[in-house]
């Protein structure tokens, strides 16, 4: 299993989650976060915005679905401009359902 975390533009979050759902990936978590990338924020006129609003989308998938999920996120998040986002993929050792105690996704 792998956890995929995508930091994306807020205006792209719903488009991404709809695309994931169409691909059969319904279970996810969305959080509003703030951060900055390599550009260290953005400067508009004399004002420097150090941290920008983003949405973090997290989901856990089987290893054979990682490439499909990453592609769905990239296609739906892409504008071609700085700040489109970043995707992180990390291993998951175990998952547990609190209500039932079941393991696995």
Protein backbone atom coordinates (compact mmCIF):
# COMPACT_ATOMS: atom_id res chain seq x y z
CA UNK A 1 0.00 0.00 0.00
CA UNK A 2 1.07 3.57 -0.64
CA UNK A 3 -0.12 6.93 0.66
CA UNK A 4 -0.40 9.64 -1.93
CA UNK A 5 -0.41 13.25 -0.72
CA UNK A 6 -1.01 15.98 -3.26
CA UNK A 7 -0.65 19.68 -2.43
CA UNK A 8 -2.70 21.48 -5.07
CA UNK A 9 -4.35 24.79 -5.91
CA UNK A 10 -7.65 25.22 -4.00
CA UNK A 11 -9.54 25.86 -7.24
CA UNK A 12 -8.35 22.48 -8.61
CA UNK A 13 -9.29 20.36 -5.58
CA UNK A 14 -12.88 19.59 -6.58
CA UNK A 15 -11.88 18.84 -10.17
CA UNK A 16 -9.21 16.44 -8.89
CA UNK A 17 -11.54 14.65 -6.47
CA UNK A 18 -14.17 14.28 -9.23
CA UNK A 19 -11.52 12.84 -11.55
CA UNK A 20 -10.40 10.41 -8.85
CA UNK A 21 -13.99 9.33 -8.23
CA UNK A 22 -14.54 8.76 -11.96
CA UNK A 23 -11.43 6.55 -11.86
CA UNK A 24 -12.88 4.53 -8.97
CA UNK A 25 -10.90 6.18 -6.16
CA UNK A 26 -13.55 7.46 -3.75
CA UNK A 27 -11.86 7.26 -0.33
CA UNK A 28 -9.74 10.31 0.41
CA UNK A 29 -9.16 13.14 2.85
CA UNK A 30 -8.98 16.84 1.91
CA UNK A 31 -7.47 19.52 4.15
CA UNK A 32 -6.91 23.21 3.65
CA UNK A 33 -3.25 23.99 4.28
CA UNK A 34 -0.79 26.82 3.73
CA UNK A 35 2.72 26.56 2.35
CA UNK A 36 5.27 27.61 -0.20
CA UNK A 37 7.40 25.94 -2.81
CA UNK A 38 10.76 26.64 -4.39
CA UNK A 39 9.64 30.16 -5.31
CA UNK A 40 9.34 31.06 -1.58
CA UNK A 41 5.87 32.49 -2.02
CA UNK A 42 4.77 35.11 -4.49
CA UNK A 43 5.33 38.85 -4.88
CA UNK A 44 2.54 41.02 -6.24
CA UNK A 45 3.61 44.65 -6.52
CA UNK A 46 5.28 45.56 -3.23
CA UNK A 47 3.51 42.83 -1.26
CA UNK A 48 5.20 39.47 -0.64
CA UNK A 49 2.94 36.53 0.22
CA UNK A 50 5.15 34.08 2.09
CA UNK A 51 2.66 31.25 2.35
CA UNK A 52 -0.11 30.44 -0.09
CA UNK A 53 -3.36 28.52 0.42
CA UNK A 54 -3.34 24.96 -0.90
CA UNK A 55 -5.49 21.87 -0.49
CA UNK A 56 -3.86 18.61 0.56
CA UNK A 57 -5.54 15.52 -0.86
CA UNK A 58 -4.53 12.26 0.83
CA UNK A 59 -5.45 8.73 -0.14
CA UNK A 60 -4.09 5.23 0.38
CA UNK A 61 -4.10 2.85 -2.57
CA UNK A 62 -2.72 -0.52 -3.53
CA UNK A 63 0.72 -0.35 -5.11
CA UNK A 64 -0.55 -1.25 -8.56
CA UNK A 65 -2.87 1.81 -8.55
CA UNK A 66 -0.22 4.45 -7.73
CA UNK A 67 0.63 5.41 -11.31
CA UNK A 68 -3.05 5.73 -12.26
CA UNK A 69 -3.84 7.94 -9.26
CA UNK A 70 -0.77 10.14 -9.80
CA UNK A 71 -1.71 10.56 -13.47
CA UNK A 72 -5.31 11.49 -12.56
CA UNK A 73 -4.05 14.13 -10.13
CA UNK A 74 -1.50 15.55 -12.57
CA UNK A 75 -3.98 15.79 -15.45
CA UNK A 76 -6.64 17.50 -13.33
CA UNK A 77 -4.26 19.84 -11.45
CA UNK A 78 -2.23 21.06 -14.43
CA UNK A 79 -2.32 24.73 -15.45
CA UNK A 80 1.29 25.01 -16.61
CA UNK A 81 2.03 27.77 -14.10
CA UNK A 82 4.12 27.86 -10.94
CA UNK A 83 2.15 26.58 -7.98
CA UNK A 84 0.29 23.73 -9.68
CA UNK A 85 1.36 21.52 -6.79
CA UNK A 86 3.46 18.63 -5.62
CA UNK A 87 2.68 14.93 -5.15
CA UNK A 88 4.33 12.75 -2.52
CA UNK A 89 4.12 8.94 -2.44
CA UNK A 90 5.12 7.08 0.73
CA UNK A 91 4.83 3.46 1.91
CA UNK A 92 2.12 2.38 4.36
CA UNK A 93 2.88 -0.54 6.67
CA UNK A 94 -0.66 -1.22 7.89
CA UNK A 95 -4.19 0.17 7.98
CA UNK A 96 -6.93 -0.49 10.53
CA UNK A 97 -10.64 0.30 10.48
CA UNK A 98 -11.49 1.69 13.91
CA UNK A 99 -15.11 0.50 13.99
CA UNK A 100 -14.47 -3.10 12.95
CA UNK A 101 -10.79 -3.65 13.67
CA UNK A 102 -10.30 -4.94 10.12
CA UNK A 103 -6.94 -4.51 8.46
CA UNK A 104 -6.28 -3.48 4.88
CA UNK A 105 -7.76 -0.79 2.69
